[in-house]
N, C-alpha and C. Protein backbone atom coordinates (compact mmCIF):
# COMPACT_ATOMS: atom_id res chain seq x y z
N UNK A 1 24.70 -19.14 -9.56
CA UNK A 1 23.92 -18.96 -8.40
C UNK A 1 22.63 -18.24 -8.75
N UNK A 2 21.49 -18.69 -8.24
CA UNK A 2 20.20 -18.06 -8.52
C UNK A 2 20.02 -16.84 -7.62
N UNK A 3 19.58 -15.75 -8.23
CA UNK A 3 19.30 -14.53 -7.46
C UNK A 3 17.95 -14.70 -6.81
N UNK A 4 17.78 -14.22 -5.58
CA UNK A 4 16.45 -14.30 -4.91
C UNK A 4 15.39 -13.59 -5.69
N UNK A 5 14.20 -14.09 -5.63
CA UNK A 5 13.05 -13.44 -6.29
C UNK A 5 12.70 -12.16 -5.57
N UNK A 6 12.41 -11.15 -6.32
CA UNK A 6 11.99 -9.88 -5.74
C UNK A 6 10.48 -9.91 -5.56
N UNK A 7 10.03 -9.55 -4.34
CA UNK A 7 8.60 -9.61 -4.08
C UNK A 7 8.15 -8.40 -3.26
N UNK A 8 6.85 -8.20 -3.29
CA UNK A 8 6.19 -7.10 -2.55
C UNK A 8 5.28 -7.76 -1.48
N UNK A 9 5.42 -7.29 -0.23
CA UNK A 9 4.55 -7.81 0.85
C UNK A 9 3.94 -6.63 1.60
N UNK A 10 2.84 -6.90 2.26
CA UNK A 10 2.18 -5.82 3.06
C UNK A 10 2.98 -5.54 4.33
N UNK A 11 3.37 -6.60 5.06
CA UNK A 11 4.25 -6.43 6.25
C UNK A 11 5.31 -7.53 6.19
N UNK A 12 6.38 -7.27 6.87
CA UNK A 12 7.50 -8.21 6.75
C UNK A 12 8.37 -8.29 7.97
N UNK A 13 9.57 -8.79 7.78
CA UNK A 13 10.54 -9.06 8.85
C UNK A 13 11.46 -7.87 9.10
N UNK A 14 10.95 -6.69 9.06
CA UNK A 14 11.75 -5.51 9.30
C UNK A 14 11.74 -5.19 10.79
N UNK A 15 12.55 -5.93 11.52
CA UNK A 15 12.67 -5.70 12.96
C UNK A 15 14.00 -5.04 13.27
N UNK A 16 14.11 -4.50 14.46
CA UNK A 16 15.26 -3.69 14.84
C UNK A 16 16.64 -4.35 14.63
N UNK A 17 16.74 -5.64 14.86
CA UNK A 17 18.03 -6.29 14.75
C UNK A 17 18.61 -6.25 13.33
N UNK A 18 17.77 -6.28 12.34
CA UNK A 18 18.23 -6.31 10.96
C UNK A 18 18.32 -4.95 10.27
N UNK A 19 18.18 -3.88 11.05
CA UNK A 19 18.18 -2.52 10.47
C UNK A 19 19.61 -2.09 10.15
N UNK A 20 19.85 -1.59 8.95
CA UNK A 20 21.14 -1.06 8.57
C UNK A 20 21.16 0.41 9.02
N UNK A 21 21.59 0.67 10.23
CA UNK A 21 21.54 2.01 10.78
C UNK A 21 22.41 3.00 9.99
N UNK A 22 23.54 2.55 9.48
CA UNK A 22 24.43 3.45 8.74
C UNK A 22 24.21 3.32 7.22
N UNK A 23 23.22 2.53 6.82
CA UNK A 23 22.86 2.30 5.41
C UNK A 23 23.84 1.48 4.63
N UNK A 24 25.10 1.34 5.10
CA UNK A 24 26.11 0.66 4.26
C UNK A 24 26.63 -0.63 4.85
N UNK A 25 26.48 -0.87 6.16
CA UNK A 25 27.06 -2.08 6.78
C UNK A 25 26.01 -3.10 7.11
N UNK A 26 26.30 -4.36 6.79
CA UNK A 26 25.44 -5.48 7.18
C UNK A 26 25.47 -5.61 8.69
N UNK A 27 24.30 -5.59 9.34
CA UNK A 27 24.28 -5.71 10.81
C UNK A 27 24.72 -7.10 11.29
N UNK A 28 24.74 -8.07 10.41
CA UNK A 28 25.13 -9.46 10.84
C UNK A 28 26.63 -9.70 10.74
N UNK A 29 27.23 -9.26 9.61
CA UNK A 29 28.67 -9.55 9.41
C UNK A 29 29.52 -8.35 9.18
N UNK A 30 28.93 -7.15 9.19
CA UNK A 30 29.64 -5.85 9.00
C UNK A 30 30.19 -5.70 7.58
N UNK A 31 29.76 -6.52 6.64
CA UNK A 31 30.13 -6.30 5.23
C UNK A 31 29.64 -4.95 4.78
N UNK A 32 30.49 -4.18 4.08
CA UNK A 32 30.11 -2.82 3.64
C UNK A 32 29.86 -2.78 2.12
N UNK A 33 28.80 -2.11 1.76
CA UNK A 33 28.52 -1.87 0.35
C UNK A 33 27.93 -0.48 0.20
N UNK A 34 27.93 0.03 -1.00
CA UNK A 34 27.33 1.31 -1.26
C UNK A 34 25.79 1.17 -1.22
N UNK A 35 25.11 2.31 -1.10
CA UNK A 35 23.64 2.27 -1.15
C UNK A 35 23.13 1.61 -2.38
N UNK A 36 23.79 1.91 -3.53
CA UNK A 36 23.37 1.33 -4.80
C UNK A 36 23.51 -0.20 -4.82
N UNK A 37 24.59 -0.67 -4.22
CA UNK A 37 24.81 -2.13 -4.16
C UNK A 37 23.74 -2.78 -3.25
N UNK A 38 23.38 -2.12 -2.14
CA UNK A 38 22.36 -2.64 -1.27
C UNK A 38 21.01 -2.68 -2.04
N UNK A 39 20.74 -1.61 -2.78
CA UNK A 39 19.47 -1.55 -3.53
C UNK A 39 19.43 -2.67 -4.57
N UNK A 40 20.53 -2.96 -5.21
CA UNK A 40 20.60 -4.03 -6.18
C UNK A 40 20.38 -5.40 -5.53
N UNK A 41 20.76 -5.51 -4.24
CA UNK A 41 20.59 -6.78 -3.51
C UNK A 41 19.19 -6.87 -2.83
N UNK A 42 18.34 -5.88 -3.07
CA UNK A 42 17.01 -5.86 -2.49
C UNK A 42 16.17 -7.05 -2.96
N UNK A 43 15.49 -7.69 -2.03
CA UNK A 43 14.64 -8.82 -2.38
C UNK A 43 13.17 -8.62 -2.01
N UNK A 44 12.90 -7.75 -0.99
CA UNK A 44 11.51 -7.60 -0.53
C UNK A 44 11.22 -6.11 -0.31
N UNK A 45 10.07 -5.69 -0.85
CA UNK A 45 9.52 -4.36 -0.57
C UNK A 45 8.43 -4.56 0.42
N UNK A 46 8.47 -3.84 1.57
CA UNK A 46 7.46 -3.93 2.61
C UNK A 46 6.67 -2.65 2.64
N UNK A 47 5.37 -2.73 2.27
CA UNK A 47 4.54 -1.55 2.16
C UNK A 47 4.14 -0.96 3.54
N UNK A 48 3.92 -1.80 4.51
CA UNK A 48 3.58 -1.33 5.87
C UNK A 48 4.54 -1.99 6.87
N UNK A 49 5.71 -1.35 7.05
CA UNK A 49 6.75 -1.93 7.91
C UNK A 49 6.27 -2.16 9.35
N UNK A 50 6.78 -3.21 9.96
CA UNK A 50 6.52 -3.47 11.39
C UNK A 50 7.23 -2.42 12.22
N UNK A 51 8.28 -1.85 11.76
CA UNK A 51 8.96 -0.71 12.41
C UNK A 51 8.60 0.51 11.55
N UNK A 52 7.42 1.10 11.85
CA UNK A 52 6.92 2.11 10.93
C UNK A 52 7.63 3.47 11.04
N UNK A 53 7.56 4.19 9.98
CA UNK A 53 8.01 5.58 9.90
C UNK A 53 7.04 6.28 8.96
N UNK A 54 6.48 7.35 9.43
CA UNK A 54 5.42 8.05 8.62
C UNK A 54 5.93 8.34 7.22
N UNK A 55 5.13 7.93 6.22
CA UNK A 55 5.47 8.20 4.84
C UNK A 55 6.58 7.33 4.26
N UNK A 56 6.85 6.18 4.92
CA UNK A 56 7.95 5.36 4.45
C UNK A 56 7.57 3.89 4.28
N UNK A 57 8.26 3.24 3.38
CA UNK A 57 8.20 1.76 3.20
C UNK A 57 9.57 1.22 3.65
N UNK A 58 9.68 -0.09 3.70
CA UNK A 58 10.95 -0.68 4.04
C UNK A 58 11.41 -1.55 2.86
N UNK A 59 12.73 -1.60 2.66
CA UNK A 59 13.28 -2.46 1.64
C UNK A 59 14.28 -3.41 2.30
N UNK A 60 14.03 -4.71 2.13
CA UNK A 60 14.87 -5.74 2.73
C UNK A 60 15.82 -6.27 1.65
N UNK A 61 17.10 -6.32 2.04
CA UNK A 61 18.14 -6.75 1.09
C UNK A 61 18.88 -7.96 1.72
N UNK A 62 19.44 -8.78 0.82
CA UNK A 62 20.26 -9.93 1.30
C UNK A 62 21.73 -9.62 1.12
N UNK A 63 22.47 -9.81 2.19
CA UNK A 63 23.90 -9.57 2.12
C UNK A 63 24.56 -10.67 1.27
N UNK A 64 25.39 -10.27 0.28
CA UNK A 64 26.04 -11.29 -0.56
C UNK A 64 27.15 -12.02 0.14
N UNK A 65 27.59 -11.58 1.29
CA UNK A 65 28.65 -12.27 2.03
C UNK A 65 28.08 -13.31 2.99
N UNK A 66 27.09 -12.93 3.86
CA UNK A 66 26.60 -13.85 4.88
C UNK A 66 25.17 -14.31 4.59
N UNK A 67 24.56 -13.77 3.59
CA UNK A 67 23.18 -14.12 3.11
C UNK A 67 22.07 -13.81 4.14
N UNK A 68 22.42 -13.00 5.15
CA UNK A 68 21.41 -12.55 6.12
C UNK A 68 20.66 -11.35 5.52
N UNK A 69 19.44 -11.17 5.97
CA UNK A 69 18.66 -10.04 5.49
C UNK A 69 18.81 -8.84 6.41
N UNK A 70 18.77 -7.64 5.83
CA UNK A 70 18.77 -6.42 6.57
C UNK A 70 17.88 -5.40 5.78
N UNK A 71 17.52 -4.33 6.45
CA UNK A 71 16.56 -3.45 5.84
C UNK A 71 16.82 -1.96 6.18
N UNK A 72 16.21 -1.09 5.41
CA UNK A 72 16.18 0.35 5.63
C UNK A 72 14.84 0.89 5.20
N UNK A 73 14.47 2.06 5.77
CA UNK A 73 13.27 2.76 5.34
C UNK A 73 13.59 3.59 4.10
N UNK A 74 12.56 3.76 3.26
CA UNK A 74 12.62 4.68 2.10
C UNK A 74 11.38 5.52 2.13
N UNK A 75 11.55 6.82 1.96
CA UNK A 75 10.35 7.69 1.85
C UNK A 75 9.59 7.35 0.59
N UNK A 76 8.28 7.25 0.70
CA UNK A 76 7.45 6.93 -0.45
C UNK A 76 7.49 8.05 -1.49
N UNK A 77 7.54 9.28 -1.02
CA UNK A 77 7.46 10.44 -1.95
C UNK A 77 8.58 10.48 -2.99
N UNK A 78 9.73 9.89 -2.68
CA UNK A 78 10.81 9.96 -3.67
C UNK A 78 11.33 8.54 -4.05
N UNK A 79 10.55 7.54 -3.75
CA UNK A 79 11.01 6.16 -3.95
C UNK A 79 11.52 5.88 -5.36
N UNK A 80 10.84 6.41 -6.39
CA UNK A 80 11.22 6.07 -7.76
C UNK A 80 12.56 6.67 -8.15
N UNK A 81 13.08 7.64 -7.35
CA UNK A 81 14.37 8.25 -7.65
C UNK A 81 15.51 7.70 -6.84
N UNK A 82 15.21 6.91 -5.78
CA UNK A 82 16.25 6.43 -4.87
C UNK A 82 17.19 5.42 -5.50
N UNK A 83 16.61 4.40 -6.05
CA UNK A 83 17.50 3.33 -6.62
C UNK A 83 16.89 2.77 -7.87
N UNK A 84 17.51 1.74 -8.34
CA UNK A 84 17.01 1.10 -9.57
C UNK A 84 16.15 -0.08 -9.16
N UNK A 85 14.96 0.27 -8.66
CA UNK A 85 14.04 -0.75 -8.22
C UNK A 85 13.12 -1.19 -9.38
N UNK A 86 12.59 -2.38 -9.34
CA UNK A 86 11.68 -2.87 -10.39
C UNK A 86 10.47 -1.95 -10.56
N UNK A 87 9.97 -1.87 -11.77
CA UNK A 87 8.85 -0.98 -12.06
C UNK A 87 7.60 -1.35 -11.23
N UNK A 88 7.41 -2.67 -10.97
CA UNK A 88 6.24 -3.06 -10.18
C UNK A 88 6.36 -2.57 -8.71
N UNK A 89 7.61 -2.44 -8.21
CA UNK A 89 7.82 -1.89 -6.86
C UNK A 89 7.46 -0.42 -6.87
N UNK A 90 7.92 0.31 -7.88
CA UNK A 90 7.66 1.75 -7.99
C UNK A 90 6.17 1.99 -8.09
N UNK A 91 5.48 1.23 -8.91
CA UNK A 91 3.99 1.38 -9.04
C UNK A 91 3.31 1.05 -7.74
N UNK A 92 3.75 0.02 -7.03
CA UNK A 92 3.13 -0.33 -5.76
C UNK A 92 3.31 0.74 -4.70
N UNK A 93 4.50 1.34 -4.67
CA UNK A 93 4.76 2.43 -3.70
C UNK A 93 3.96 3.65 -4.04
N UNK A 94 3.86 4.00 -5.31
CA UNK A 94 3.06 5.18 -5.69
C UNK A 94 1.59 4.97 -5.31
N UNK A 95 1.06 3.78 -5.58
CA UNK A 95 -0.31 3.51 -5.21
C UNK A 95 -0.52 3.53 -3.71
N UNK A 96 0.42 2.92 -2.97
CA UNK A 96 0.30 2.91 -1.49
C UNK A 96 0.40 4.33 -0.94
N UNK A 97 1.31 5.14 -1.52
CA UNK A 97 1.51 6.50 -1.12
C UNK A 97 0.20 7.28 -1.24
N UNK A 98 -0.46 7.19 -2.37
CA UNK A 98 -1.72 7.90 -2.58
C UNK A 98 -2.79 7.42 -1.61
N UNK A 99 -2.82 6.11 -1.36
CA UNK A 99 -3.80 5.59 -0.42
C UNK A 99 -3.55 6.08 1.02
N UNK A 100 -2.29 6.07 1.44
CA UNK A 100 -1.96 6.53 2.80
C UNK A 100 -2.25 8.04 2.99
N UNK A 101 -1.94 8.82 1.95
CA UNK A 101 -2.25 10.26 2.07
C UNK A 101 -3.75 10.50 2.13
N UNK A 102 -4.50 9.79 1.29
CA UNK A 102 -5.96 9.91 1.31
C UNK A 102 -6.55 9.48 2.65
N UNK A 103 -6.02 8.38 3.17
CA UNK A 103 -6.48 7.88 4.48
C UNK A 103 -6.21 8.92 5.59
N UNK A 104 -5.05 9.56 5.54
CA UNK A 104 -4.70 10.57 6.52
C UNK A 104 -5.63 11.76 6.44
N UNK A 105 -5.94 12.19 5.25
CA UNK A 105 -6.85 13.33 5.05
C UNK A 105 -8.25 13.00 5.60
N UNK A 106 -8.74 11.84 5.28
CA UNK A 106 -10.09 11.41 5.76
C UNK A 106 -10.07 11.29 7.31
N UNK A 107 -9.05 10.69 7.83
CA UNK A 107 -8.96 10.56 9.30
C UNK A 107 -8.96 11.89 9.98
N UNK A 108 -8.20 12.84 9.44
CA UNK A 108 -8.12 14.18 10.05
C UNK A 108 -9.47 14.93 9.91
N UNK A 109 -10.08 14.81 8.73
CA UNK A 109 -11.39 15.48 8.55
C UNK A 109 -12.46 14.96 9.51
N UNK A 110 -12.34 13.71 9.88
CA UNK A 110 -13.35 13.07 10.78
C UNK A 110 -13.01 13.29 12.28
N UNK A 111 -11.88 13.93 12.56
CA UNK A 111 -11.43 14.10 13.93
C UNK A 111 -11.96 15.40 14.55
N UNK A 112 -12.22 15.36 15.85
CA UNK A 112 -12.55 16.56 16.59
C UNK A 112 -11.40 17.54 16.61
N UNK A 113 -10.23 17.02 16.66
CA UNK A 113 -9.02 17.83 16.82
C UNK A 113 -8.93 18.99 15.82
N UNK A 114 -9.39 18.72 14.59
CA UNK A 114 -9.29 19.71 13.53
C UNK A 114 -9.97 21.03 13.91
N UNK A 115 -11.05 20.98 14.66
CA UNK A 115 -11.82 22.17 15.02
C UNK A 115 -11.68 22.54 16.47
N UNK A 116 -10.71 21.97 17.19
CA UNK A 116 -10.58 22.19 18.62
C UNK A 116 -9.68 23.41 18.90
N UNK A 117 -10.10 24.21 19.86
CA UNK A 117 -9.37 25.40 20.27
C UNK A 117 -8.01 25.06 20.93
N UNK A 118 -7.90 23.82 21.46
CA UNK A 118 -6.70 23.42 22.14
C UNK A 118 -5.61 22.90 21.21
N UNK A 119 -5.89 22.77 19.94
CA UNK A 119 -4.88 22.26 19.00
C UNK A 119 -3.71 23.26 18.90
N UNK A 120 -2.51 22.74 19.16
CA UNK A 120 -1.29 23.59 19.08
C UNK A 120 -0.48 23.37 17.83
N UNK A 121 -0.52 22.16 17.31
CA UNK A 121 0.30 21.86 16.14
C UNK A 121 -0.50 20.96 15.21
N UNK A 122 -0.65 21.35 13.98
CA UNK A 122 -1.40 20.58 12.97
C UNK A 122 -0.51 19.48 12.40
N UNK A 123 -1.14 18.37 11.95
CA UNK A 123 -0.35 17.28 11.40
C UNK A 123 0.19 17.61 10.02
N UNK A 124 1.20 16.83 9.60
CA UNK A 124 1.84 17.00 8.28
C UNK A 124 1.72 15.72 7.50
N UNK A 125 1.38 15.80 6.23
CA UNK A 125 1.32 14.68 5.31
C UNK A 125 0.61 13.48 5.87
N UNK A 126 1.36 12.39 6.15
CA UNK A 126 0.79 11.12 6.60
C UNK A 126 0.62 11.10 8.10
N UNK A 127 1.26 11.97 8.77
CA UNK A 127 1.33 11.93 10.22
C UNK A 127 0.22 12.74 10.84
N UNK A 128 -0.82 12.09 11.35
CA UNK A 128 -1.95 12.76 11.91
C UNK A 128 -1.81 13.02 13.42
N UNK A 129 -0.58 12.99 13.92
CA UNK A 129 -0.39 13.22 15.33
C UNK A 129 -0.71 14.64 15.68
N UNK A 130 -1.57 14.78 16.70
CA UNK A 130 -1.91 16.14 17.15
C UNK A 130 -1.18 16.48 18.42
N UNK A 131 -0.92 17.76 18.64
CA UNK A 131 -0.33 18.24 19.86
C UNK A 131 -1.34 19.23 20.45
N UNK A 132 -1.80 18.91 21.64
CA UNK A 132 -2.83 19.74 22.28
C UNK A 132 -2.77 19.63 23.76
N UNK A 133 -3.80 20.15 24.44
CA UNK A 133 -3.85 20.13 25.89
C UNK A 133 -3.88 18.72 26.46
N UNK A 134 -4.40 17.77 25.68
CA UNK A 134 -4.44 16.37 26.13
C UNK A 134 -3.07 15.72 26.01
N UNK A 135 -2.28 16.14 25.05
CA UNK A 135 -0.97 15.60 24.84
C UNK A 135 -0.71 15.40 23.32
N UNK A 136 0.14 14.48 23.04
CA UNK A 136 0.49 14.15 21.65
C UNK A 136 -0.10 12.79 21.34
N UNK A 137 -0.73 12.63 20.20
CA UNK A 137 -1.28 11.36 19.81
C UNK A 137 -2.06 11.44 18.55
N UNK A 138 -2.72 10.36 18.22
CA UNK A 138 -3.55 10.31 17.02
C UNK A 138 -4.80 11.15 17.15
N UNK A 139 -5.45 11.44 16.04
CA UNK A 139 -6.64 12.26 16.06
C UNK A 139 -7.79 11.56 16.83
N UNK A 140 -8.55 12.34 17.55
CA UNK A 140 -9.62 11.83 18.41
C UNK A 140 -11.01 12.12 17.78
N UNK A 141 -11.92 11.18 17.98
CA UNK A 141 -13.30 11.41 17.57
C UNK A 141 -14.16 11.67 18.81
N UNK A 142 -13.60 11.42 20.02
CA UNK A 142 -14.21 11.75 21.31
C UNK A 142 -13.13 12.28 22.19
N UNK A 143 -13.48 13.38 22.93
CA UNK A 143 -12.46 13.97 23.82
C UNK A 143 -13.15 14.80 24.88
N UNK A 144 -12.82 14.55 26.16
CA UNK A 144 -13.38 15.30 27.30
C UNK A 144 -12.92 16.76 27.32
N UNK A 145 -11.80 17.06 26.67
CA UNK A 145 -11.26 18.43 26.72
C UNK A 145 -11.65 19.23 25.46
N UNK A 146 -12.44 18.66 24.57
CA UNK A 146 -12.75 19.35 23.29
C UNK A 146 -13.42 20.68 23.54
N UNK A 147 -12.94 21.71 22.83
CA UNK A 147 -13.51 23.05 22.94
C UNK A 147 -13.53 23.61 21.48
N UNK A 148 -14.72 23.77 20.93
CA UNK A 148 -14.81 24.23 19.56
C UNK A 148 -14.23 25.65 19.41
N UNK A 149 -13.49 25.83 18.33
CA UNK A 149 -12.84 27.14 18.04
C UNK A 149 -13.90 28.20 17.88
């Protein structure tokens, strides 16, 4: 039997129905495997998941019993230590991680929120969500409530 080709995509079929919520059970047929076995069955690395999680990529694996695909998130910061993924996957995640962190820094530096007196909670790593008098959301470049510190 031919093993599926491993590939890297920007976005993919990581939708709620195929998520392995417990990390070990196939959502289609309930076949159970260890995390390591799921990692070995991985076929697609998704750099920008449709079901996003800050600082994470998605890995889609094929169940050896029913051949349906399922997926889980992996934090980019420790991706190379999680499983035995191909070196091109590890390199792609490291490159994407650096790009996303740089993008977050630039986005925050260009935001009014950074210097606003109403800012209650500063963002962390990739997540530029601000908590302020306006509410919770992405960094703003225009705001009616802005008050310089």
